[in-house]
Structure formats: C-alpha cells, structure tokens
Amino acid sequence: MTAERPGTQVPPSIESDSVARWIRRRRNDGPISGDLAHAFQGFRGTLELVEDAKSALAATAPRRRTPGLPLAQALAEFEQGLARASASMGRWLLPAVDEQWAVCRSALAESAHRAEALRLGDAPGGYEELYGTLVDLMEPLDHAFETALYRFRELGL
C-alpha cells in the first residue's frame, strides 16, 4: 500500500468496499491544488453516505442465522441515505469533475426513483426476487461513483 496524505483516512464504513480500496492508493504526480483536494474529500464523504445507504438496503437479505431487516425499514433507510448523499453533492462540484458529478447526481436520482417505485408497488416474493430487486436498486450507483473516482485518480489523487 502506498503512503497516504495526512488527513485522508478512508472512512471505516466503506473500507472493505472495492471502490474504497481505490481511494487508499494515490499516484504521486506532484502537488495537488487545494480546491481539488477539498473536492476529493467531499466526494469521499458522498461516497461514504452512498455506501451506508447500500449497506442498509443489503441488510434485508437473510443471513445464515438471521432473517434480515424488514424491507420497508431498509428501504426507508436507503432512501434517507440517498437523500443525504444527494445533499452532500455540492461539496465536490468542480469544473474538472463536472461530467462525473452529473453522472453521480443522475445515478442517485435513478436509485431514489427505483426505491420509490418499490415502496409504492408490490414487495418481491422470495429470496431470488428480493436479491434481484436489491441489485436493481443499487446498480446505477456503482458505475457512476467508480467513474468519478477514476477521474479523481486521473487528476492525481
């Protein structure tokens, strides 16, 4: 693992996530502008909120010895997490990442729309349908935030 800049700890809630593992590595291409470093910290905060929301939703899946959270409760936590992530988006808007920012904003909106449709519709019947539904709810987020992270990496972070 490469050395990190001071103050760039990976939030514990996303440390094991594949996207978060990318955050810990940083190219050493020279000095980074303060605005870009501040935007990256804002991005990391948004990503942590997204990962927390996804974890809340994934808690509906039954485990070996536990039944999982009720879908309504997990869905409410997921929607609240998406709302918090959306509210934090302004902390990392910069011209250098505005295209990726817009993609992430759209992904948050799409996941929220899918969650609302599920909340207002019928609950999935059985584990296989539940699993597919959970994947569908989270799907827009992964690629969008990976792309944004890649852009920050291109910029030297």
C-alpha atoms as a PDB file:
ATOM      1  CA  MET A   1       0.000   0.000   0.000  1.00  0.00           C
ATOM      2  CA  THR A   2       1.320   3.457  -0.852  1.00  0.00           C
ATOM      3  CA  ALA A   3       1.628   6.268   1.647  1.00  0.00           C
ATOM      4  CA  GLU A   4      -1.427   8.425   2.149  1.00  0.00           C
ATOM      5  CA  ARG A   5      -1.564  12.169   2.560  1.00  0.00           C
ATOM      6  CA  PRO A   6      -2.258  13.304   6.122  1.00  0.00           C
ATOM      7  CA  GLY A   7      -5.981  13.619   6.793  1.00  0.00           C
ATOM      8  CA  THR A   8      -7.054  11.253   4.007  1.00  0.00           C
ATOM      9  CA  GLN A   9      -8.256   8.328   6.069  1.00  0.00           C
ATOM     10  CA  VAL A  10     -10.713   6.006   4.376  1.00  0.00           C
ATOM     11  CA  PRO A  11     -13.995   6.103   6.304  1.00  0.00           C
ATOM     12  CA  PRO A  12     -14.360   2.794   8.178  1.00  0.00           C
ATOM     13  CA  SER A  13     -17.840   2.157   6.801  1.00  0.00           C
ATOM     14  CA  ILE A  14     -16.525   1.825   3.253  1.00  0.00           C
ATOM     15  CA  GLU A  15     -13.048   0.456   3.899  1.00  0.00           C
ATOM     16  CA  SER A  16     -13.806  -3.032   2.615  1.00  0.00           C
ATOM     17  CA  ASP A  17     -15.659  -1.875  -0.497  1.00  0.00           C
ATOM     18  CA  SER A  18     -13.873  -2.267  -3.825  1.00  0.00           C
ATOM     19  CA  VAL A  19     -14.294   1.407  -4.729  1.00  0.00           C
ATOM     20  CA  ALA A  20     -12.930   2.414  -1.353  1.00  0.00           C
ATOM     21  CA  ARG A  21      -9.818   0.324  -1.908  1.00  0.00           C
ATOM     22  CA  TRP A  22      -9.007   2.520  -4.879  1.00  0.00           C
ATOM     23  CA  ILE A  23      -9.215   5.587  -2.677  1.00  0.00           C
ATOM     24  CA  ARG A  24      -6.380   4.391  -0.451  1.00  0.00           C
ATOM     25  CA  ARG A  25      -3.937   4.350  -3.345  1.00  0.00           C
ATOM     26  CA  ARG A  26      -2.695   7.652  -4.697  1.00  0.00           C
ATOM     27  CA  ARG A  27      -0.398   8.412  -7.534  1.00  0.00           C
ATOM     28  CA  ASN A  28       2.417  10.747  -6.606  1.00  0.00           C
ATOM     29  CA  ASP A  29       2.450  13.115  -9.562  1.00  0.00           C
ATOM     30  CA  GLY A  30       3.290  16.233  -7.596  1.00  0.00           C
ATOM     31  CA  PRO A  31       1.320  18.861  -5.741  1.00  0.00           C
ATOM     32  CA  ILE A  32      -2.460  18.786  -5.800  1.00  0.00           C
ATOM     33  CA  SER A  33      -4.489  22.008  -5.802  1.00  0.00           C
ATOM     34  CA  GLY A  34      -6.318  22.828  -2.594  1.00  0.00           C
ATOM     35  CA  ASP A  35      -9.651  23.025  -4.428  1.00  0.00           C
ATOM     36  CA  LEU A  36      -9.159  19.590  -5.942  1.00  0.00           C
ATOM     37  CA  ALA A  37      -8.104  18.058  -2.619  1.00  0.00           C
ATOM     38  CA  HIS A  38     -11.132  19.653  -0.923  1.00  0.00           C
ATOM     39  CA  ALA A  39     -13.430  18.353  -3.686  1.00  0.00           C
ATOM     40  CA  PHE A  40     -11.979  14.868  -3.270  1.00  0.00           C
ATOM     41  CA  GLN A  41     -12.717  14.981   0.453  1.00  0.00           C
ATOM     42  CA  GLY A  42     -16.276  15.995  -0.424  1.00  0.00           C
ATOM     43  CA  PHE A  43     -16.504  13.123  -2.892  1.00  0.00           C
ATOM     44  CA  ARG A  44     -15.313  10.685  -0.241  1.00  0.00           C
ATOM     45  CA  GLY A  45     -17.980  11.966   2.131  1.00  0.00           C
ATOM     46  CA  THR A  46     -20.660  11.469  -0.510  1.00  0.00           C
ATOM     47  CA  LEU A  47     -19.324   8.008  -1.305  1.00  0.00           C
ATOM     48  CA  GLU A  48     -19.450   7.072   2.382  1.00  0.00           C
ATOM     49  CA  LEU A  49     -23.117   8.108   2.508  1.00  0.00           C
ATOM     50  CA  VAL A  50     -23.862   6.060  -0.618  1.00  0.00           C
ATOM     51  CA  GLU A  51     -22.129   3.011   0.829  1.00  0.00           C
ATOM     52  CA  ASP A  52     -24.023   3.413   4.118  1.00  0.00           C
ATOM     53  CA  ALA A  53     -27.307   3.564   2.174  1.00  0.00           C
ATOM     54  CA  LYS A  54     -26.388   0.446   0.194  1.00  0.00           C
ATOM     55  CA  SER A  55     -25.461  -1.385   3.407  1.00  0.00           C
ATOM     56  CA  ALA A  56     -28.818  -0.512   4.937  1.00  0.00           C
ATOM     57  CA  LEU A  57     -30.593  -1.922   1.906  1.00  0.00           C
ATOM     58  CA  ALA A  58     -28.442  -5.054   1.800  1.00  0.00           C
ATOM     59  CA  ALA A  59     -29.408  -5.732   5.424  1.00  0.00           C
ATOM     60  CA  THR A  60     -32.780  -7.021   4.135  1.00  0.00           C
ATOM     61  CA  ALA A  61     -31.106 -10.105   2.713  1.00  0.00           C
ATOM     62  CA  PRO A  62     -31.410 -13.023   5.098  1.00  0.00           C
ATOM     63  CA  ARG A  63     -28.179 -14.342   6.569  1.00  0.00           C
ATOM     64  CA  ARG A  64     -27.468 -17.870   7.761  1.00  0.00           C
ATOM     65  CA  ARG A  65     -28.819 -17.311  11.238  1.00  0.00           C
ATOM     66  CA  THR A  66     -30.749 -14.057  10.966  1.00  0.00           C
ATOM     67  CA  PRO A  67     -33.773 -13.184   8.868  1.00  0.00           C
ATOM     68  CA  GLY A  68     -32.607  -9.729   7.758  1.00  0.00           C
ATOM     69  CA  LEU A  69     -34.304  -6.373   8.278  1.00  0.00           C
ATOM     70  CA  PRO A  70     -37.873  -5.832   7.136  1.00  0.00           C
ATOM     71  CA  LEU A  71     -37.846  -4.484   3.582  1.00  0.00           C
ATOM     72  CA  ALA A  72     -39.862  -1.375   4.491  1.00  0.00           C
ATOM     73  CA  GLN A  73     -37.363  -0.377   7.185  1.00  0.00           C
ATOM     74  CA  ALA A  74     -34.308  -0.996   4.999  1.00  0.00           C
ATOM     75  CA  LEU A  75     -35.895   0.798   2.063  1.00  0.00           C
ATOM     76  CA  ALA A  76     -36.632   3.840   4.227  1.00  0.00           C
ATOM     77  CA  GLU A  77     -33.014   3.885   5.439  1.00  0.00           C
ATOM     78  CA  PHE A  78     -31.791   3.513   1.847  1.00  0.00           C
ATOM     79  CA  GLU A  79     -33.926   6.419   0.648  1.00  0.00           C
ATOM     80  CA  GLN A  80     -32.794   8.592   3.575  1.00  0.00           C
ATOM     81  CA  GLY A  81     -29.171   7.716   2.822  1.00  0.00           C
ATOM     82  CA  LEU A  82     -29.610   8.636  -0.831  1.00  0.00           C
ATOM     83  CA  ALA A  83     -31.153  11.953   0.203  1.00  0.00           C
ATOM     84  CA  ARG A  84     -28.162  12.678   2.474  1.00  0.00           C
ATOM     85  CA  ALA A  85     -25.759  11.739  -0.321  1.00  0.00           C
ATOM     86  CA  SER A  86     -27.617  13.989  -2.773  1.00  0.00           C
ATOM     87  CA  ALA A  87     -27.479  16.859  -0.297  1.00  0.00           C
ATOM     88  CA  SER A  88     -23.703  16.431   0.010  1.00  0.00           C
ATOM     89  CA  MET A  89     -23.010  16.532  -3.732  1.00  0.00           C
ATOM     90  CA  GLY A  90     -22.262  20.267  -3.761  1.00  0.00           C
ATOM     91  CA  ARG A  91     -19.111  19.664  -1.724  1.00  0.00           C
ATOM     92  CA  TRP A  92     -17.285  18.186  -4.699  1.00  0.00           C
ATOM     93  CA  LEU A  93     -18.542  20.069  -7.743  1.00  0.00           C
ATOM     94  CA  LEU A  94     -15.588  21.415  -9.716  1.00  0.00           C
ATOM     95  CA  PRO A  95     -15.170  22.003 -13.463  1.00  0.00           C
ATOM     96  CA  ALA A  96     -12.541  19.232 -13.580  1.00  0.00           C
ATOM     97  CA  VAL A  97     -15.113  16.635 -12.474  1.00  0.00           C
ATOM     98  CA  ASP A  98     -18.406  18.190 -13.537  1.00  0.00           C
ATOM     99  CA  GLU A  99     -19.230  15.465 -16.054  1.00  0.00           C
ATOM    100  CA  GLN A 100     -18.700  12.703 -13.479  1.00  0.00           C
ATOM    101  CA  TRP A 101     -20.554  14.779 -10.873  1.00  0.00           C
ATOM    102  CA  ALA A 102     -23.594  14.961 -13.176  1.00  0.00           C
ATOM    103  CA  VAL A 103     -23.474  11.192 -13.754  1.00  0.00           C
ATOM    104  CA  CYS A 104     -23.385  10.574  -9.986  1.00  0.00           C
ATOM    105  CA  ARG A 105     -26.244  13.030  -9.439  1.00  0.00           C
ATOM    106  CA  SER A 106     -28.302  11.174 -12.071  1.00  0.00           C
ATOM    107  CA  ALA A 107     -27.441   7.802 -10.528  1.00  0.00           C
ATOM    108  CA  LEU A 108     -28.619   8.976  -7.110  1.00  0.00           C
ATOM    109  CA  ALA A 109     -31.868  10.233  -8.640  1.00  0.00           C
ATOM    110  CA  GLU A 110     -32.392   6.983 -10.561  1.00  0.00           C
ATOM    111  CA  SER A 111     -31.794   4.811  -7.489  1.00  0.00           C
ATOM    112  CA  ALA A 112     -34.172   7.005  -5.480  1.00  0.00           C
ATOM    113  CA  HIS A 113     -36.796   6.695  -8.225  1.00  0.00           C
ATOM    114  CA  ARG A 114     -36.430   2.895  -8.252  1.00  0.00           C
ATOM    115  CA  ALA A 115     -36.703   2.789  -4.460  1.00  0.00           C
ATOM    116  CA  GLU A 116     -39.869   4.890  -4.534  1.00  0.00           C
ATOM    117  CA  ALA A 117     -41.394   2.620  -7.185  1.00  0.00           C
ATOM    118  CA  LEU A 118     -40.658  -0.402  -4.994  1.00  0.00           C
ATOM    119  CA  ARG A 119     -42.084   1.294  -1.909  1.00  0.00           C
ATOM    120  CA  LEU A 120     -45.307   2.131  -3.752  1.00  0.00           C
ATOM    121  CA  GLY A 121     -45.538  -1.218  -5.538  1.00  0.00           C
ATOM    122  CA  ASP A 122     -45.587  -4.866  -4.597  1.00  0.00           C
ATOM    123  CA  ALA A 123     -42.919  -6.414  -2.385  1.00  0.00           C
ATOM    124  CA  PRO A 124     -40.689  -9.024  -4.032  1.00  0.00           C
ATOM    125  CA  GLY A 125     -41.782 -12.609  -3.473  1.00  0.00           C
ATOM    126  CA  GLY A 126     -38.985 -14.868  -2.282  1.00  0.00           C
ATOM    127  CA  TYR A 127     -35.253 -14.551  -1.892  1.00  0.00           C
ATOM    128  CA  GLU A 128     -34.352 -14.687  -5.598  1.00  0.00           C
ATOM    129  CA  GLU A 129     -36.725 -11.872  -6.462  1.00  0.00           C
ATOM    130  CA  LEU A 130     -35.597  -9.868  -3.408  1.00  0.00           C
ATOM    131  CA  TYR A 131     -31.950 -10.279  -4.387  1.00  0.00           C
ATOM    132  CA  GLY A 132     -32.636  -9.131  -7.947  1.00  0.00           C
ATOM    133  CA  THR A 133     -34.614  -6.162  -6.677  1.00  0.00           C
ATOM    134  CA  LEU A 134     -31.795  -5.093  -4.342  1.00  0.00           C
ATOM    135  CA  VAL A 135     -29.267  -5.331  -7.171  1.00  0.00           C
ATOM    136  CA  ASP A 136     -31.535  -3.247  -9.419  1.00  0.00           C
ATOM    137  CA  LEU A 137     -31.857  -0.542  -6.761  1.00  0.00           C
ATOM    138  CA  MET A 138     -28.105  -0.222  -6.249  1.00  0.00           C
ATOM    139  CA  GLU A 139     -26.974  -0.779  -9.856  1.00  0.00           C
ATOM    140  CA  PRO A 140     -26.918   2.867 -11.023  1.00  0.00           C
ATOM    141  CA  LEU A 141     -24.656   3.902  -8.146  1.00  0.00           C
ATOM    142  CA  ASP A 142     -21.668   1.600  -8.583  1.00  0.00           C
ATOM    143  CA  HIS A 143     -20.574   2.531 -12.092  1.00  0.00           C
ATOM    144  CA  ALA A 144     -21.222   6.240 -11.572  1.00  0.00           C
ATOM    145  CA  PHE A 145     -19.109   6.531  -8.451  1.00  0.00           C
ATOM    146  CA  GLU A 146     -16.352   4.303  -9.839  1.00  0.00           C
ATOM    147  CA  THR A 147     -16.160   6.593 -12.867  1.00  0.00           C
ATOM    148  CA  ALA A 148     -15.915   9.674 -10.652  1.00  0.00           C
ATOM    149  CA  LEU A 149     -13.205   8.047  -8.574  1.00  0.00           C
ATOM    150  CA  TYR A 150     -11.290   7.161 -11.724  1.00  0.00           C
ATOM    151  CA  ARG A 151     -11.466  10.813 -12.819  1.00  0.00           C
ATOM    152  CA  PHE A 152     -10.033  11.952  -9.487  1.00  0.00           C
ATOM    153  CA  ARG A 153      -7.263   9.384  -9.975  1.00  0.00           C
ATOM    154  CA  GLU A 154      -6.550  10.817 -13.433  1.00  0.00           C
ATOM    155  CA  LEU A 155      -6.202  14.225 -11.793  1.00  0.00           C
ATOM    156  CA  GLY A 156      -3.527  12.877  -9.458  1.00  0.00           C
ATOM    157  CA  LEU A 157      -5.457  11.833  -6.375  1.00  0.00           C
END
